[in-house]
């Protein structure tokens, strides 16, 4: 299965970085029906065709996802969109 692994450095406090991820996670749930839960500073998410995590670290955000076969052809586009959103929230 195709995997996405993107790390984005940031200069926010841990609390502010987590608040940004909370906003992104809420949007993912609203727009794509992705279910998720927090375990410490890691947001784990899944829905049919994709599962992964968004880890909030003191100096970076780490996004990892595993795509199902139906989303595999969209891997490049999904990586670009994730990168765009990370730049928008953590630039």
PDB file of N, CA and C in Angstrom:
ATOM      1  N   UNK A   1       0.843  -1.182   0.000  1.00  0.00           N
ATOM      2  CA  UNK A   1       0.000   0.000   0.000  1.00  0.00           C
ATOM      3  C   UNK A   1       0.884   1.240   0.000  1.00  0.00           C
ATOM      4  N   UNK A   2       0.519   2.247  -0.782  1.00  0.00           N
ATOM      5  CA  UNK A   2       1.293   3.487  -0.830  1.00  0.00           C
ATOM      6  C   UNK A   2       1.246   4.213   0.518  1.00  0.00           C
ATOM      7  N   UNK A   3       2.364   4.845   0.846  1.00  0.00           N
ATOM      8  CA  UNK A   3       2.462   5.566   2.116  1.00  0.00           C
ATOM      9  C   UNK A   3       2.875   7.003   1.865  1.00  0.00           C
ATOM     10  N   UNK A   4       2.376   7.874   2.726  1.00  0.00           N
ATOM     11  CA  UNK A   4       2.750   9.285   2.724  1.00  0.00           C
ATOM     12  C   UNK A   4       3.440   9.556   4.052  1.00  0.00           C
ATOM     13  N   UNK A   5       4.551  10.264   4.001  1.00  0.00           N
ATOM     14  CA  UNK A   5       5.291  10.621   5.216  1.00  0.00           C
ATOM     15  C   UNK A   5       5.881  12.014   4.997  1.00  0.00           C
ATOM     16  N   UNK A   6       5.265  13.002   5.638  1.00  0.00           N
ATOM     17  CA  UNK A   6       5.680  14.394   5.462  1.00  0.00           C
ATOM     18  C   UNK A   6       5.955  15.005   6.832  1.00  0.00           C
ATOM     19  N   UNK A   7       7.081  15.662   6.940  1.00  0.00           N
ATOM     20  CA  UNK A   7       7.466  16.356   8.178  1.00  0.00           C
ATOM     21  C   UNK A   7       7.593  17.835   7.863  1.00  0.00           C
ATOM     22  N   UNK A   8       6.918  18.681   8.656  1.00  0.00           N
ATOM     23  CA  UNK A   8       6.947  20.131   8.460  1.00  0.00           C
ATOM     24  C   UNK A   8       7.431  20.808   9.740  1.00  0.00           C
ATOM     25  N   UNK A   9       8.610  21.418   9.707  1.00  0.00           N
ATOM     26  CA  UNK A   9       9.080  22.180  10.870  1.00  0.00           C
ATOM     27  C   UNK A   9       8.151  23.371  11.150  1.00  0.00           C
ATOM     28  N   UNK A  10       8.069  23.757  12.405  1.00  0.00           N
ATOM     29  CA  UNK A  10       7.285  24.945  12.777  1.00  0.00           C
ATOM     30  C   UNK A  10       7.976  25.670  13.916  1.00  0.00           C
ATOM     31  N   UNK A  11       7.515  26.893  14.156  1.00  0.00           N
ATOM     32  CA  UNK A  11       8.092  27.718  15.225  1.00  0.00           C
ATOM     33  C   UNK A  11       7.042  28.094  16.268  1.00  0.00           C
ATOM     34  N   UNK A  12       5.973  27.323  16.332  1.00  0.00           N
ATOM     35  CA  UNK A  12       4.906  27.576  17.291  1.00  0.00           C
ATOM     36  C   UNK A  12       5.191  26.861  18.605  1.00  0.00           C
ATOM     37  N   UNK A  13       4.497  27.293  19.642  1.00  0.00           N
ATOM     38  CA  UNK A  13       4.559  26.523  20.890  1.00  0.00           C
ATOM     39  C   UNK A  13       3.830  25.204  20.649  1.00  0.00           C
ATOM     40  N   UNK A  14       4.074  24.237  21.485  1.00  0.00           N
ATOM     41  CA  UNK A  14       3.414  22.945  21.348  1.00  0.00           C
ATOM     42  C   UNK A  14       1.894  23.112  21.422  1.00  0.00           C
ATOM     43  N   UNK A  15       1.430  23.943  22.341  1.00  0.00           N
ATOM     44  CA  UNK A  15      -0.014  24.169  22.488  1.00  0.00           C
ATOM     45  C   UNK A  15      -0.609  24.821  21.240  1.00  0.00           C
ATOM     46  N   UNK A  16       0.081  25.810  20.676  1.00  0.00           N
ATOM     47  CA  UNK A  16      -0.422  26.474  19.471  1.00  0.00           C
ATOM     48  C   UNK A  16      -0.401  25.526  18.269  1.00  0.00           C
ATOM     49  N   UNK A  17       0.639  24.711  18.162  1.00  0.00           N
ATOM     50  CA  UNK A  17       0.722  23.742  17.070  1.00  0.00           C
ATOM     51  C   UNK A  17      -0.413  22.725  17.178  1.00  0.00           C
ATOM     52  N   UNK A  18      -0.680  22.277  18.390  1.00  0.00           N
ATOM     53  CA  UNK A  18      -1.775  21.319  18.589  1.00  0.00           C
ATOM     54  C   UNK A  18      -3.115  21.969  18.241  1.00  0.00           C
ATOM     55  N   UNK A  19      -3.298  23.237  18.604  1.00  0.00           N
ATOM     56  CA  UNK A  19      -4.540  23.945  18.277  1.00  0.00           C
ATOM     57  C   UNK A  19      -4.742  24.015  16.763  1.00  0.00           C
ATOM     58  N   UNK A  20      -3.676  24.212  16.019  1.00  0.00           N
ATOM     59  CA  UNK A  20      -3.768  24.231  14.554  1.00  0.00           C
ATOM     60  C   UNK A  20      -4.180  22.861  14.033  1.00  0.00           C
ATOM     61  N   UNK A  21      -3.603  21.804  14.583  1.00  0.00           N
ATOM     62  CA  UNK A  21      -3.954  20.446  14.143  1.00  0.00           C
ATOM     63  C   UNK A  21      -5.393  20.132  14.512  1.00  0.00           C
ATOM     64  N   UNK A  22      -5.870  20.619  15.648  1.00  0.00           N
ATOM     65  CA  UNK A  22      -7.272  20.420  16.032  1.00  0.00           C
ATOM     66  C   UNK A  22      -8.182  21.024  14.967  1.00  0.00           C
ATOM     67  N   UNK A  23      -7.836  22.215  14.476  1.00  0.00           N
ATOM     68  CA  UNK A  23      -8.628  22.858  13.417  1.00  0.00           C
ATOM     69  C   UNK A  23      -8.599  22.030  12.134  1.00  0.00           C
ATOM     70  N   UNK A  24      -7.424  21.569  11.754  1.00  0.00           N
ATOM     71  CA  UNK A  24      -7.280  20.755  10.545  1.00  0.00           C
ATOM     72  C   UNK A  24      -8.067  19.453  10.689  1.00  0.00           C
ATOM     73  N   UNK A  25      -7.979  18.819  11.851  1.00  0.00           N
ATOM     74  CA  UNK A  25      -8.687  17.562  12.085  1.00  0.00           C
ATOM     75  C   UNK A  25     -10.197  17.768  12.003  1.00  0.00           C
ATOM     76  N   UNK A  26     -10.691  18.859  12.560  1.00  0.00           N
ATOM     77  CA  UNK A  26     -12.126  19.156  12.494  1.00  0.00           C
ATOM     78  C   UNK A  26     -12.571  19.332  11.042  1.00  0.00           C
ATOM     79  N   UNK A  27     -11.742  19.998  10.258  1.00  0.00           N
ATOM     80  CA  UNK A  27     -12.051  20.187   8.834  1.00  0.00           C
ATOM     81  C   UNK A  27     -12.035  18.846   8.084  1.00  0.00           C
ATOM     82  N   UNK A  28     -11.086  17.980   8.410  1.00  0.00           N
ATOM     83  CA  UNK A  28     -11.017  16.654   7.790  1.00  0.00           C
ATOM     84  C   UNK A  28     -12.277  15.850   8.124  1.00  0.00           C
ATOM     85  N   UNK A  29     -12.721  15.945   9.359  1.00  0.00           N
ATOM     86  CA  UNK A  29     -13.917  15.216   9.767  1.00  0.00           C
ATOM     87  C   UNK A  29     -15.147  15.760   9.049  1.00  0.00           C
ATOM     88  N   UNK A  30     -15.238  17.072   8.951  1.00  0.00           N
ATOM     89  CA  UNK A  30     -16.379  17.710   8.309  1.00  0.00           C
ATOM     90  C   UNK A  30     -16.401  17.455   6.801  1.00  0.00           C
ATOM     91  N   UNK A  31     -15.269  17.631   6.159  1.00  0.00           N
ATOM     92  CA  UNK A  31     -15.209  17.574   4.702  1.00  0.00           C
ATOM     93  C   UNK A  31     -15.150  16.141   4.153  1.00  0.00           C
ATOM     94  N   UNK A  32     -14.431  15.257   4.832  1.00  0.00           N
ATOM     95  CA  UNK A  32     -14.192  13.925   4.288  1.00  0.00           C
ATOM     96  C   UNK A  32     -14.764  12.784   5.125  1.00  0.00           C
ATOM     97  N   UNK A  33     -15.384  13.096   6.249  1.00  0.00           N
ATOM     98  CA  UNK A  33     -15.936  12.052   7.097  1.00  0.00           C
ATOM     99  C   UNK A  33     -14.880  11.202   7.784  1.00  0.00           C
ATOM    100  N   UNK A  34     -13.708  11.772   7.977  1.00  0.00           N
ATOM    101  CA  UNK A  34     -12.615  11.042   8.615  1.00  0.00           C
ATOM    102  C   UNK A  34     -12.819  11.043  10.126  1.00  0.00           C
ATOM    103  N   UNK A  35     -12.803   9.870  10.698  1.00  0.00           N
ATOM    104  CA  UNK A  35     -12.917   9.718  12.142  1.00  0.00           C
ATOM    105  C   UNK A  35     -11.529   9.730  12.755  1.00  0.00           C
ATOM    106  N   UNK A  36     -11.410  10.290  13.940  1.00  0.00           N
ATOM    107  CA  UNK A  36     -10.107  10.312  14.574  1.00  0.00           C
ATOM    108  C   UNK A  36     -10.189  10.483  16.070  1.00  0.00           C
ATOM    109  N   UNK A  37      -9.037  10.300  16.695  1.00  0.00           N
ATOM    110  CA  UNK A  37      -8.954  10.486  18.145  1.00  0.00           C
ATOM    111  C   UNK A  37      -7.536  10.871  18.524  1.00  0.00           C
ATOM    112  N   UNK A  38      -7.435  11.588  19.612  1.00  0.00           N
ATOM    113  CA  UNK A  38      -6.131  12.004  20.142  1.00  0.00           C
ATOM    114  C   UNK A  38      -5.620  10.969  21.119  1.00  0.00           C
ATOM    115  N   UNK A  39      -4.324  10.699  21.023  1.00  0.00           N
ATOM    116  CA  UNK A  39      -3.614   9.879  21.998  1.00  0.00           C
ATOM    117  C   UNK A  39      -2.362  10.673  22.332  1.00  0.00           C
ATOM    118  N   UNK A  40      -2.414  11.426  23.427  1.00  0.00           N
ATOM    119  CA  UNK A  40      -1.311  12.334  23.745  1.00  0.00           C
ATOM    120  C   UNK A  40      -1.272  13.435  22.704  1.00  0.00           C
ATOM    121  N   UNK A  41      -0.137  13.617  22.051  1.00  0.00           N
ATOM    122  CA  UNK A  41       0.012  14.645  21.026  1.00  0.00           C
ATOM    123  C   UNK A  41      -0.047  14.067  19.618  1.00  0.00           C
ATOM    124  N   UNK A  42      -0.713  12.928  19.465  1.00  0.00           N
ATOM    125  CA  UNK A  42      -0.848  12.286  18.159  1.00  0.00           C
ATOM    126  C   UNK A  42      -2.333  12.115  17.844  1.00  0.00           C
ATOM    127  N   UNK A  43      -2.731  12.651  16.694  1.00  0.00           N
ATOM    128  CA  UNK A  43      -4.092  12.481  16.208  1.00  0.00           C
ATOM    129  C   UNK A  43      -4.086  11.319  15.222  1.00  0.00           C
ATOM    130  N   UNK A  44      -4.779  10.245  15.560  1.00  0.00           N
ATOM    131  CA  UNK A  44      -4.895   9.078  14.688  1.00  0.00           C
ATOM    132  C   UNK A  44      -6.225   9.168  13.955  1.00  0.00           C
ATOM    133  N   UNK A  45      -6.198   8.926  12.643  1.00  0.00           N
ATOM    134  CA  UNK A  45      -7.417   9.051  11.853  1.00  0.00           C
ATOM    135  C   UNK A  45      -7.559   7.872  10.904  1.00  0.00           C
ATOM    136  N   UNK A  46      -8.817   7.655  10.490  1.00  0.00           N
ATOM    137  CA  UNK A  46      -9.075   6.633   9.486  1.00  0.00           C
ATOM    138  C   UNK A  46     -10.438   6.829   8.870  1.00  0.00           C
ATOM    139  N   UNK A  47     -10.556   6.284   7.714  1.00  0.00           N
ATOM    140  CA  UNK A  47     -11.820   6.144   6.993  1.00  0.00           C
ATOM    141  C   UNK A  47     -11.544   5.142   5.898  1.00  0.00           C
ATOM    142  N   UNK A  48     -12.533   4.727   5.216  1.00  0.00           N
ATOM    143  CA  UNK A  48     -12.338   3.762   4.148  1.00  0.00           C
ATOM    144  C   UNK A  48     -11.307   4.286   3.154  1.00  0.00           C
ATOM    145  N   UNK A  49     -10.230   3.546   2.972  1.00  0.00           N
ATOM    146  CA  UNK A  49      -9.223   3.913   1.990  1.00  0.00           C
ATOM    147  C   UNK A  49      -8.013   4.652   2.515  1.00  0.00           C
ATOM    148  N   UNK A  50      -8.052   5.100   3.762  1.00  0.00           N
ATOM    149  CA  UNK A  50      -6.901   5.824   4.303  1.00  0.00           C
ATOM    150  C   UNK A  50      -6.881   5.730   5.828  1.00  0.00           C
ATOM    151  N   UNK A  51      -5.681   5.619   6.374  1.00  0.00           N
ATOM    152  CA  UNK A  51      -5.486   5.691   7.822  1.00  0.00           C
ATOM    153  C   UNK A  51      -4.131   6.330   8.068  1.00  0.00           C
ATOM    154  N   UNK A  52      -3.995   6.970   9.228  1.00  0.00           N
ATOM    155  CA  UNK A  52      -2.713   7.590   9.502  1.00  0.00           C
ATOM    156  C   UNK A  52      -2.700   8.355  10.805  1.00  0.00           C
ATOM    157  N   UNK A  53      -1.655   9.162  10.948  1.00  0.00           N
ATOM    158  CA  UNK A  53      -1.469   9.954  12.158  1.00  0.00           C
ATOM    159  C   UNK A  53      -0.942  11.341  11.809  1.00  0.00           C
ATOM    160  N   UNK A  54      -1.233  12.276  12.696  1.00  0.00           N
ATOM    161  CA  UNK A  54      -0.621  13.605  12.667  1.00  0.00           C
ATOM    162  C   UNK A  54      -0.013  13.796  14.047  1.00  0.00           C
ATOM    163  N   UNK A  55       1.308  13.783  14.110  1.00  0.00           N
ATOM    164  CA  UNK A  55       2.006  13.930  15.384  1.00  0.00           C
ATOM    165  C   UNK A  55       2.437  15.379  15.562  1.00  0.00           C
ATOM    166  N   UNK A  56       2.099  15.937  16.715  1.00  0.00           N
ATOM    167  CA  UNK A  56       2.494  17.299  17.057  1.00  0.00           C
ATOM    168  C   UNK A  56       3.745  17.201  17.926  1.00  0.00           C
ATOM    169  N   UNK A  57       4.843  17.688  17.394  1.00  0.00           N
ATOM    170  CA  UNK A  57       6.108  17.695  18.116  1.00  0.00           C
ATOM    171  C   UNK A  57       6.486  19.139  18.416  1.00  0.00           C
ATOM    172  N   UNK A  58       7.438  19.338  19.304  1.00  0.00           N
ATOM    173  CA  UNK A  58       7.801  20.698  19.716  1.00  0.00           C
ATOM    174  C   UNK A  58       8.359  21.540  18.576  1.00  0.00           C
ATOM    175  N   UNK A  59       8.965  20.908  17.571  1.00  0.00           N
ATOM    176  CA  UNK A  59       9.564  21.669  16.478  1.00  0.00           C
ATOM    177  C   UNK A  59       9.056  21.278  15.100  1.00  0.00           C
ATOM    178  N   UNK A  60       8.126  20.312  15.028  1.00  0.00           N
ATOM    179  CA  UNK A  60       7.647  19.861  13.719  1.00  0.00           C
ATOM    180  C   UNK A  60       6.288  19.166  13.841  1.00  0.00           C
ATOM    181  N   UNK A  61       5.633  19.075  12.689  1.00  0.00           N
ATOM    182  CA  UNK A  61       4.413  18.282  12.543  1.00  0.00           C
ATOM    183  C   UNK A  61       4.769  17.131  11.623  1.00  0.00           C
ATOM    184  N   UNK A  62       4.401  15.917  12.005  1.00  0.00           N
ATOM    185  CA  UNK A  62       4.696  14.730  11.214  1.00  0.00           C
ATOM    186  C   UNK A  62       3.376  14.104  10.775  1.00  0.00           C
ATOM    187  N   UNK A  63       3.161  14.048   9.464  1.00  0.00           N
ATOM    188  CA  UNK A  63       1.953  13.438   8.908  1.00  0.00           C
ATOM    189  C   UNK A  63       2.341  12.125   8.236  1.00  0.00           C
ATOM    190  N   UNK A  64       1.691  11.058   8.660  1.00  0.00           N
ATOM    191  CA  UNK A  64       1.905   9.745   8.042  1.00  0.00           C
ATOM    192  C   UNK A  64       0.538   9.187   7.672  1.00  0.00           C
ATOM    193  N   UNK A  65       0.464   8.620   6.482  1.00  0.00           N
ATOM    194  CA  UNK A  65      -0.800   8.034   6.037  1.00  0.00           C
ATOM    195  C   UNK A  65      -0.516   6.817   5.172  1.00  0.00           C
ATOM    196  N   UNK A  66      -1.400   5.864   5.245  1.00  0.00           N
ATOM    197  CA  UNK A  66      -1.345   4.690   4.393  1.00  0.00           C
ATOM    198  C   UNK A  66      -2.611   4.688   3.544  1.00  0.00           C
ATOM    199  N   UNK A  67      -2.415   4.654   2.239  1.00  0.00           N
ATOM    200  CA  UNK A  67      -3.527   4.745   1.307  1.00  0.00           C
ATOM    201  C   UNK A  67      -3.955   3.367   0.835  1.00  0.00           C
ATOM    202  N   UNK A  68      -5.264   3.189   0.708  1.00  0.00           N
ATOM    203  CA  UNK A  68      -5.785   1.963   0.136  1.00  0.00           C
ATOM    204  C   UNK A  68      -5.623   1.980  -1.382  1.00  0.00           C
ATOM    205  N   UNK A  69      -5.974   0.896  -2.008  1.00  0.00           N
ATOM    206  CA  UNK A  69      -5.787   0.752  -3.449  1.00  0.00           C
ATOM    207  C   UNK A  69      -6.570   1.791  -4.253  1.00  0.00           C
ATOM    208  N   UNK A  70      -7.742   2.174  -3.798  1.00  0.00           N
ATOM    209  CA  UNK A  70      -8.553   3.145  -4.538  1.00  0.00           C
ATOM    210  C   UNK A  70      -7.919   4.537  -4.538  1.00  0.00           C
ATOM    211  N   UNK A  71      -7.201   4.890  -3.481  1.00  0.00           N
ATOM    212  CA  UNK A  71      -6.574   6.204  -3.396  1.00  0.00           C
ATOM    213  C   UNK A  71      -5.130   6.210  -3.875  1.00  0.00           C
ATOM    214  N   UNK A  72      -4.576   5.040  -4.132  1.00  0.00           N
ATOM    215  CA  UNK A  72      -3.175   4.949  -4.556  1.00  0.00           C
ATOM    216  C   UNK A  72      -2.846   5.837  -5.755  1.00  0.00           C
ATOM    217  N   UNK A  73      -3.703   5.903  -6.782  1.00  0.00           N
ATOM    218  CA  UNK A  73      -3.381   6.753  -7.922  1.00  0.00           C
ATOM    219  C   UNK A  73      -3.358   8.252  -7.587  1.00  0.00           C
ATOM    220  N   UNK A  74      -3.939   8.620  -6.464  1.00  0.00           N
ATOM    221  CA  UNK A  74      -4.012  10.025  -6.059  1.00  0.00           C
ATOM    222  C   UNK A  74      -2.902  10.422  -5.093  1.00  0.00           C
ATOM    223  N   UNK A  75      -1.946   9.540  -4.871  1.00  0.00           N
ATOM    224  CA  UNK A  75      -0.905   9.787  -3.869  1.00  0.00           C
ATOM    225  C   UNK A  75      -0.206  11.125  -4.087  1.00  0.00           C
ATOM    226  N   UNK A  76       0.248  11.411  -5.286  1.00  0.00           N
ATOM    227  CA  UNK A  76       0.955  12.659  -5.566  1.00  0.00           C
ATOM    228  C   UNK A  76       0.102  13.879  -5.273  1.00  0.00           C
ATOM    229  N   UNK A  77      -1.141  13.851  -5.706  1.00  0.00           N
ATOM    230  CA  UNK A  77      -2.055  14.963  -5.467  1.00  0.00           C
ATOM    231  C   UNK A  77      -2.314  15.140  -3.967  1.00  0.00           C
ATOM    232  N   UNK A  78      -2.497  14.026  -3.261  1.00  0.00           N
ATOM    233  CA  UNK A  78      -2.733  14.097  -1.816  1.00  0.00           C
ATOM    234  C   UNK A  78      -1.520  14.655  -1.087  1.00  0.00           C
ATOM    235  N   UNK A  79      -0.322  14.246  -1.481  1.00  0.00           N
ATOM    236  CA  UNK A  79       0.897  14.785  -0.867  1.00  0.00           C
ATOM    237  C   UNK A  79       0.994  16.291  -1.080  1.00  0.00           C
ATOM    238  N   UNK A  80       0.687  16.745  -2.288  1.00  0.00           N
ATOM    239  CA  UNK A  80       0.725  18.178  -2.571  1.00  0.00           C
ATOM    240  C   UNK A  80      -0.282  18.941  -1.723  1.00  0.00           C
ATOM    241  N   UNK A  81      -1.477  18.393  -1.571  1.00  0.00           N
ATOM    242  CA  UNK A  81      -2.513  19.054  -0.775  1.00  0.00           C
ATOM    243  C   UNK A  81      -2.128  19.094   0.704  1.00  0.00           C
ATOM    244  N   UNK A  82      -1.562  18.008   1.216  1.00  0.00           N
ATOM    245  CA  UNK A  82      -1.104  17.991   2.611  1.00  0.00           C
ATOM    246  C   UNK A  82      -0.011  19.030   2.807  1.00  0.00           C
ATOM    247  N   UNK A  83       0.939  19.080   1.879  1.00  0.00           N
ATOM    248  CA  UNK A  83       2.026  20.056   1.973  1.00  0.00           C
ATOM    249  C   UNK A  83       1.481  21.477   1.938  1.00  0.00           C
ATOM    250  N   UNK A  84       0.507  21.722   1.065  1.00  0.00           N
ATOM    251  CA  UNK A  84      -0.106  23.051   0.969  1.00  0.00           C
ATOM    252  C   UNK A  84      -0.766  23.441   2.288  1.00  0.00           C
ATOM    253  N   UNK A  85      -1.509  22.515   2.876  1.00  0.00           N
ATOM    254  CA  UNK A  85      -2.186  22.793   4.155  1.00  0.00           C
ATOM    255  C   UNK A  85      -1.173  23.006   5.282  1.00  0.00           C
ATOM    256  N   UNK A  86      -0.121  22.212   5.296  1.00  0.00           N
ATOM    257  CA  UNK A  86       0.911  22.414   6.324  1.00  0.00           C
ATOM    258  C   UNK A  86       1.570  23.776   6.164  1.00  0.00           C
ATOM    259  N   UNK A  87       1.851  24.171   4.932  1.00  0.00           N
ATOM    260  CA  UNK A  87       2.437  25.496   4.699  1.00  0.00           C
ATOM    261  C   UNK A  87       1.467  26.598   5.136  1.00  0.00           C
ATOM    262  N   UNK A  88       0.197  26.385   4.883  1.00  0.00           N
ATOM    263  CA  UNK A  88      -0.823  27.372   5.255  1.00  0.00           C
ATOM    264  C   UNK A  88      -0.910  27.552   6.767  1.00  0.00           C
ATOM    265  N   UNK A  89      -0.826  26.453   7.492  1.00  0.00           N
ATOM    266  CA  UNK A  89      -1.015  26.502   8.954  1.00  0.00           C
ATOM    267  C   UNK A  89       0.289  26.642   9.744  1.00  0.00           C
ATOM    268  N   UNK A  90       1.415  26.247   9.151  1.00  0.00           N
ATOM    269  CA  UNK A  90       2.661  26.197   9.923  1.00  0.00           C
ATOM    270  C   UNK A  90       3.833  26.924   9.274  1.00  0.00           C
ATOM    271  N   UNK A  91       3.568  27.809   8.319  1.00  0.00           N
ATOM    272  CA  UNK A  91       4.667  28.532   7.652  1.00  0.00           C
ATOM    273  C   UNK A  91       5.232  29.624   8.548  1.00  0.00           C
TER     274      UNK A  91
END
